[in-house]
Protein backbone atom coordinates (compact mmCIF):
# COMPACT_ATOMS: atom_id res chain seq x y z
CA UNK A 1 102.29 105.43 249.94
CA UNK A 2 100.93 108.20 249.30
CA UNK A 3 102.39 111.06 247.71
CA UNK A 4 102.84 113.63 250.24
CA UNK A 5 104.50 116.72 248.79
CA UNK A 6 104.18 118.76 252.10
CA UNK A 7 106.87 116.55 252.96
CA UNK A 8 108.71 115.15 249.73
CA UNK A 9 109.56 118.31 248.14
CA UNK A 10 111.32 119.49 250.77
CA UNK A 11 112.96 116.42 250.82
CA UNK A 12 114.05 116.89 247.67
CA UNK A 13 114.95 120.51 247.43
CA UNK A 14 117.27 120.00 250.71
CA UNK A 15 118.98 116.70 249.60
CA UNK A 16 119.54 119.32 246.05
CA UNK A 17 121.08 121.80 248.55
CA UNK A 18 122.98 118.97 250.20
CA UNK A 19 124.35 117.65 246.58
CA UNK A 20 125.29 121.73 246.29
CA UNK A 21 127.49 122.11 249.15
CA UNK A 22 129.01 118.78 249.00
CA UNK A 23 129.52 119.65 244.75
CA UNK A 24 131.41 123.03 245.78
CA UNK A 25 133.44 121.75 249.07
CA UNK A 26 135.05 119.03 246.39
CA UNK A 27 135.55 121.57 242.75
CA UNK A 28 135.95 124.91 244.75
CA UNK A 29 137.81 123.54 247.42
CA UNK A 30 141.04 122.42 245.42
CA UNK A 31 140.82 125.73 243.59
CA UNK A 32 140.47 127.34 246.74
CA UNK A 33 143.63 125.28 247.86
CA UNK A 34 145.55 125.67 245.52
CA UNK A 35 146.08 129.58 246.63
CA UNK A 36 146.39 128.07 249.91
CA UNK A 37 149.58 126.68 248.67
CA UNK A 38 150.49 129.49 246.90
CA UNK A 39 152.48 130.43 249.87
CA UNK A 40 154.61 128.30 249.60
CA UNK A 41 155.30 128.50 245.67
CA UNK A 42 157.89 129.72 243.95
CA UNK A 43 156.92 131.70 240.91
CA UNK A 44 157.13 129.63 238.13
CA UNK A 45 155.41 127.60 239.88
CA UNK A 46 153.04 129.50 240.57
CA UNK A 47 151.68 130.86 236.75
CA UNK A 48 151.87 126.11 236.49
CA UNK A 49 149.18 126.96 239.60
CA UNK A 50 146.78 128.61 237.82
CA UNK A 51 146.87 126.49 234.59
CA UNK A 52 145.72 124.13 236.60
CA UNK A 53 142.94 125.20 237.59
CA UNK A 54 142.10 128.26 235.36
CA UNK A 55 139.45 126.97 233.72
CA UNK A 56 137.45 125.15 236.14
CA UNK A 57 137.15 128.03 239.27
CA UNK A 58 134.75 130.19 237.85
CA UNK A 59 132.33 127.20 236.99
CA UNK A 60 133.13 125.29 240.51
CA UNK A 61 131.66 128.20 242.29
CA UNK A 62 129.10 127.78 240.30
CA UNK A 63 127.53 125.33 242.95
CA UNK A 64 127.85 127.57 245.86
CA UNK A 65 125.53 129.84 244.45
CA UNK A 66 122.71 127.16 243.45
CA UNK A 67 123.47 126.55 247.08
CA UNK A 68 122.01 129.21 248.60
CA UNK A 69 119.24 130.10 246.06
CA UNK A 70 117.62 126.96 246.72
CA UNK A 71 118.19 128.21 250.61
CA UNK A 72 116.92 131.45 249.87
CA UNK A 73 113.67 130.24 247.24
CA UNK A 74 113.04 126.83 249.20
CA UNK A 75 113.55 127.41 252.65
CA UNK A 76 112.79 131.35 253.16
CA UNK A 77 112.35 131.42 257.34
CA UNK A 78 115.69 129.17 257.34
CA UNK A 79 117.67 132.04 254.88
CA UNK A 80 116.11 134.83 257.25
CA UNK A 81 117.41 133.26 260.51
CA UNK A 82 120.43 131.69 259.07
CA UNK A 83 122.15 134.82 257.09
CA UNK A 84 121.60 137.10 259.87
CA UNK A 85 123.76 135.19 261.93
CA UNK A 86 126.30 134.37 260.05
CA UNK A 87 126.59 138.60 258.82
CA UNK A 88 130.36 138.89 259.40
CA UNK A 89 131.81 135.86 258.31
CA UNK A 90 129.40 135.66 254.81
CA UNK A 91 130.82 139.86 254.53
CA UNK A 92 134.40 138.01 254.83
CA UNK A 93 133.84 135.25 252.24
CA UNK A 94 132.78 137.20 249.66
CA UNK A 95 135.50 140.31 249.93
CA UNK A 96 137.59 136.62 249.85
CA UNK A 97 136.28 135.18 247.44
CA UNK A 98 135.98 139.06 244.81
CA UNK A 99 139.80 139.52 245.58
CA UNK A 100 140.96 136.42 244.69
CA UNK A 101 138.66 136.92 241.51
CA UNK A 102 140.76 139.84 240.81
CA UNK A 103 143.77 138.39 241.39
CA UNK A 104 143.90 136.05 239.21
CA UNK A 105 143.42 137.97 236.53
CA UNK A 106 146.08 141.03 237.69
CA UNK A 107 148.77 138.96 238.15
CA UNK A 108 149.45 137.17 234.68
CA UNK A 109 148.70 140.79 233.23
CA UNK A 110 151.01 143.59 236.26
CA UNK A 111 154.62 143.68 235.65
CA UNK A 112 157.12 141.60 237.50
CA UNK A 113 157.92 143.88 240.33
CA UNK A 114 153.39 144.29 241.30
CA UNK A 115 153.02 140.99 240.15
CA UNK A 116 154.16 140.12 243.95
CA UNK A 117 151.47 142.34 245.34
CA UNK A 118 148.51 140.10 243.55
CA UNK A 119 150.23 136.57 243.94
CA UNK A 120 149.75 137.11 248.06
CA UNK A 121 146.21 138.97 247.12
CA UNK A 122 145.79 135.58 246.12
CA UNK A 123 146.73 133.26 248.92
CA UNK A 124 144.94 135.34 250.98
CA UNK A 125 141.50 135.64 250.06
CA UNK A 126 141.65 132.23 249.30
CA UNK A 127 142.78 131.04 252.93
CA UNK A 128 140.38 133.61 254.22
CA UNK A 129 138.06 132.48 251.65
CA UNK A 130 138.39 128.91 253.79
CA UNK A 131 138.94 129.73 257.07
CA UNK A 132 134.98 131.78 256.61
CA UNK A 133 133.64 129.11 255.35
CA UNK A 134 135.13 126.52 258.05
CA UNK A 135 134.29 129.02 260.55
CA UNK A 136 130.32 129.34 259.59
CA UNK A 137 129.64 125.58 259.43
CA UNK A 138 131.04 125.49 263.31
CA UNK A 139 128.77 128.36 264.37
CA UNK A 140 125.92 125.78 262.08
CA UNK A 141 126.24 123.12 263.55
CA UNK A 142 126.08 124.46 266.41
CA UNK A 143 122.35 125.91 266.22
CA UNK A 144 124.47 129.35 265.89
CA UNK A 145 125.87 129.09 268.63
CA UNK A 146 127.49 133.13 269.47
CA UNK A 147 128.86 132.64 272.59
CA UNK A 148 132.43 131.81 273.00
CA UNK A 149 132.31 128.30 273.15
CA UNK A 150 130.99 128.21 269.84
CA UNK A 151 132.64 131.00 268.40
CA UNK A 152 135.80 128.50 269.96
CA UNK A 153 134.89 126.01 268.05
CA UNK A 154 133.94 127.55 264.55
CA UNK A 155 137.83 128.15 264.39
CA UNK A 156 138.30 125.08 265.02
CA UNK A 157 136.48 123.73 261.53
CA UNK A 158 137.56 126.87 259.88
CA UNK A 159 141.48 125.44 260.29
CA UNK A 160 140.70 121.69 260.02
CA UNK A 161 138.35 122.62 256.39
CA UNK A 162 141.49 125.29 255.55
CA UNK A 163 144.01 122.40 256.19
CA UNK A 164 141.45 119.89 253.81
CA UNK A 165 141.13 122.56 251.23
CA UNK A 166 144.93 122.84 250.93
CA UNK A 167 144.99 118.59 250.81
CA UNK A 168 142.78 118.87 247.85
CA UNK A 169 144.53 121.37 245.83
CA UNK A 170 147.06 119.67 246.68
CA UNK A 171 145.80 116.40 245.00
CA UNK A 172 144.98 118.04 242.70
CA UNK A 173 148.34 119.09 241.36
CA UNK A 174 149.02 116.00 241.19
CA UNK A 175 147.04 115.36 239.14
CA UNK A 176 147.16 118.65 236.83
CA UNK A 177 151.83 118.40 237.12
CA UNK A 178 154.14 116.18 236.87
CA UNK A 179 158.75 116.95 237.50
CA UNK A 180 159.38 118.87 240.32
CA UNK A 181 156.18 120.58 240.68
CA UNK A 182 154.39 117.10 241.60
CA UNK A 183 156.74 115.83 243.52
CA UNK A 184 156.75 118.88 245.81
CA UNK A 185 152.94 119.18 246.52
CA UNK A 186 152.80 115.26 246.81
CA UNK A 187 155.48 116.76 249.93
CA UNK A 188 152.54 119.19 250.82
CA UNK A 189 149.89 117.14 250.49
CA UNK A 190 151.75 114.74 253.44
CA UNK A 191 151.61 117.74 255.06
CA UNK A 192 147.84 118.99 255.16
CA UNK A 193 146.62 115.54 256.01
CA UNK A 194 148.39 115.22 258.61
CA UNK A 195 146.56 118.71 260.31
CA UNK A 196 143.03 117.45 258.60
CA UNK A 197 143.36 114.21 260.09
CA UNK A 198 143.57 115.72 263.12
CA UNK A 199 141.66 117.70 262.60
CA UNK A 200 138.53 115.28 261.93
CA UNK A 201 139.40 113.24 264.76
CA UNK A 202 139.79 116.34 267.40
CA UNK A 203 135.46 117.57 265.36
CA UNK A 204 134.49 114.23 265.59
CA UNK A 205 135.50 114.88 270.14
CA UNK A 206 134.10 117.93 270.00
CA UNK A 207 131.13 118.06 268.60
CA UNK A 208 128.98 115.50 270.36
CA UNK A 209 130.45 117.24 274.20
CA UNK A 210 129.69 120.97 271.80
CA UNK A 211 126.00 119.71 271.04
CA UNK A 212 123.27 117.92 273.22
CA UNK A 213 121.91 116.93 269.67
CA UNK A 214 124.56 115.76 268.45
CA UNK A 215 125.41 113.59 271.29
CA UNK A 216 122.37 112.29 270.38
CA UNK A 217 121.80 111.53 267.61
CA UNK A 218 125.30 109.40 266.78
CA UNK A 219 124.95 107.79 270.38
CA UNK A 220 121.55 105.93 269.78
CA UNK A 221 121.26 102.78 269.40
CA UNK A 222 120.86 100.41 267.18
CA UNK A 223 121.97 103.74 264.59
CA UNK A 224 125.49 103.87 266.43
CA UNK A 225 126.25 100.03 264.74
CA UNK A 226 125.98 101.44 261.41
CA UNK A 227 127.43 104.59 262.31
CA UNK A 228 130.73 103.29 263.33
CA UNK A 229 131.66 102.81 259.69
CA UNK A 230 131.97 106.30 258.49
CA UNK A 231 134.74 106.58 260.86
CA UNK A 232 136.24 103.10 259.99
CA UNK A 233 135.99 104.08 256.81
CA UNK A 234 137.60 107.48 256.52
CA UNK A 235 140.67 105.98 258.66
CA UNK A 236 140.78 103.45 254.95
CA UNK A 237 140.74 106.35 252.77
CA UNK A 238 143.35 108.15 254.68
CA UNK A 239 145.55 105.28 255.40
CA UNK A 240 145.40 104.22 251.65
CA UNK A 241 146.29 107.54 250.38
CA UNK A 242 148.80 108.41 252.66
CA UNK A 243 150.15 104.21 250.97
CA UNK A 244 149.33 106.39 247.35
CA UNK A 245 151.55 109.29 248.39
CA UNK A 246 154.55 107.14 248.27
CA UNK A 247 154.28 105.46 245.95
CA UNK A 248 153.95 109.04 244.14
CA UNK A 249 155.43 110.09 241.25
CA UNK A 250 155.10 107.10 239.48
CA UNK A 251 156.29 105.69 236.27
CA UNK A 252 153.99 106.78 233.80
CA UNK A 253 152.14 109.01 235.71
CA UNK A 254 150.19 106.35 237.01
CA UNK A 255 147.94 106.57 240.25
CA UNK A 256 148.46 110.54 240.22
CA UNK A 257 144.69 110.27 240.03
CA UNK A 258 143.64 108.45 243.29
CA UNK A 259 145.20 111.11 245.63
CA UNK A 260 141.83 113.39 244.68
CA UNK A 261 139.84 110.45 244.63
CA UNK A 262 140.60 109.34 247.55
CA UNK A 263 140.19 113.13 248.94
CA UNK A 264 136.83 113.49 247.69
CA UNK A 265 135.62 109.85 249.02
CA UNK A 266 137.12 111.61 252.69
CA UNK A 267 135.24 115.14 252.03
CA UNK A 268 131.86 112.82 251.18
CA UNK A 269 132.15 110.61 254.11
CA UNK A 270 133.17 113.84 256.48
CA UNK A 271 129.85 114.95 254.68
CA UNK A 272 127.86 112.34 255.56
CA UNK A 273 128.12 112.32 259.31
CA UNK A 274 127.67 115.96 259.63
CA UNK A 275 124.02 115.93 257.51
CA UNK A 276 122.88 112.88 259.48
CA UNK A 277 123.30 115.06 262.45
CA UNK A 278 121.30 117.97 260.75
CA UNK A 279 118.10 116.59 260.27
CA UNK A 280 116.25 116.12 260.15
CA UNK A 281 116.17 120.66 261.09
CA UNK A 282 118.06 123.15 258.87
CA UNK A 283 118.93 125.70 261.34
CA UNK A 284 119.99 123.48 263.91
CA UNK A 285 117.73 123.32 267.36
CA UNK A 286 115.68 125.81 265.38
CA UNK A 287 113.59 124.58 262.14
CA UNK A 288 112.85 120.95 260.28
CA UNK A 289 113.04 121.49 257.03
CA UNK A 290 109.18 120.82 257.05
CA UNK A 291 108.73 123.72 258.52
CA UNK A 292 110.65 126.09 257.34
CA UNK A 293 109.81 125.79 253.59
CA UNK A 294 108.29 127.41 250.81
CA UNK A 295 104.43 126.09 250.09
CA UNK A 296 104.36 123.15 247.49
CA UNK A 297 102.95 124.72 245.49
CA UNK A 298 105.25 127.59 245.16
CA UNK A 299 108.41 124.25 245.26
CA UNK A 300 107.19 122.17 242.92
CA UNK A 301 106.98 125.12 240.43
CA UNK A 302 110.80 125.03 241.65
CA UNK A 303 111.86 121.54 240.84
CA UNK A 304 110.37 122.32 237.67
CA UNK A 305 113.58 124.77 236.58
CA UNK A 306 115.95 123.17 238.71
CA UNK A 307 115.48 120.08 236.41
CA UNK A 308 116.31 122.58 233.07
CA UNK A 309 119.23 124.50 235.69
CA UNK A 310 121.04 121.51 237.38
CA UNK A 311 121.35 119.13 234.71
CA UNK A 312 122.95 122.14 232.56
CA UNK A 313 125.06 122.69 235.20
CA UNK A 314 126.52 119.23 235.65
CA UNK A 315 126.31 119.25 231.69
CA UNK A 316 129.09 121.68 231.22
CA UNK A 317 131.14 121.10 234.25
CA UNK A 318 131.86 117.42 232.55
CA UNK A 319 132.48 119.28 229.43
CA UNK A 320 134.98 121.87 230.56
CA UNK A 321 136.93 118.73 233.03
CA UNK A 322 136.89 116.97 229.45
CA UNK A 323 138.28 119.46 226.93
CA UNK A 324 140.89 121.35 229.51
CA UNK A 325 141.42 117.26 230.83
CA UNK A 326 145.18 116.61 230.91
CA UNK A 327 148.38 118.34 232.39
CA UNK A 328 148.53 122.12 233.03
CA UNK A 329 151.53 124.01 230.67
CA UNK A 330 152.67 126.96 231.21
CA UNK A 331 150.11 129.65 232.04
CA UNK A 332 149.49 131.76 228.28
CA UNK A 333 146.96 134.59 227.25
CA UNK A 334 147.61 135.57 224.56
């Protein structure tokens, strides 16, 4: 088969953008989830929770920058459509992420009377950023539908994603802490998991009803037979996760990493279902990845840069997670 750059390069960049988004949702998802769970923690617990994500959260957000950059340089026509349509939720998300970043440092350095305000700011920024991301995903999935039905679907996805972030955030706390906080995280994860499962079921039912394109993609034969594996495996992962949580906390901290790994698997399967529903569109109902892509010559040059940058991001992330592995302890800035 001949190598056609006009076909192969857009597919490569669509895959790289999808990989970046998935990595962001899993990695920054857990530190957003920890911020959401601030609402259910006391001050001592919050210090340990911040210490659990402190070395990682900056690097986690790099994946969002990479995904946005790839959309801009590889699919500029799509970027010109998506950004104006989602200007308000994008602005809310960016302000929320900035608020989180500021609160993250200020809460550790201000006096005790002021500290609760920054704790609230960190929690608020985490919740609003999660809701904004979910809303954008829902509206985007329906082809940037700004009707009442599209807005309601966006809000539904926003609530589901926020619950999912809370669940994976609790999973990270289970892995990084012990004692009373770990036990509390197990309880919080069970509660978040119920809303996550209900939200995913609601989205799976609502999406094909709201979008004829998604209905046609999900229920076409013979592909539908293979696609049924996604919900079945996802349900199995939920059942396994619930069973693992029933065993926690365990002696010698066994199984503490399993909840996070299982949640990452659930996120990956959900992402696979959405990616299948989108293909070959980069803007659903409007632009395919081939029509929106930059010229093959430009993509070839950009790919050289990605070959340099992507391994650096992956290498640094692996290095950081290895260096700062183990349990989190009291937060210190001295």
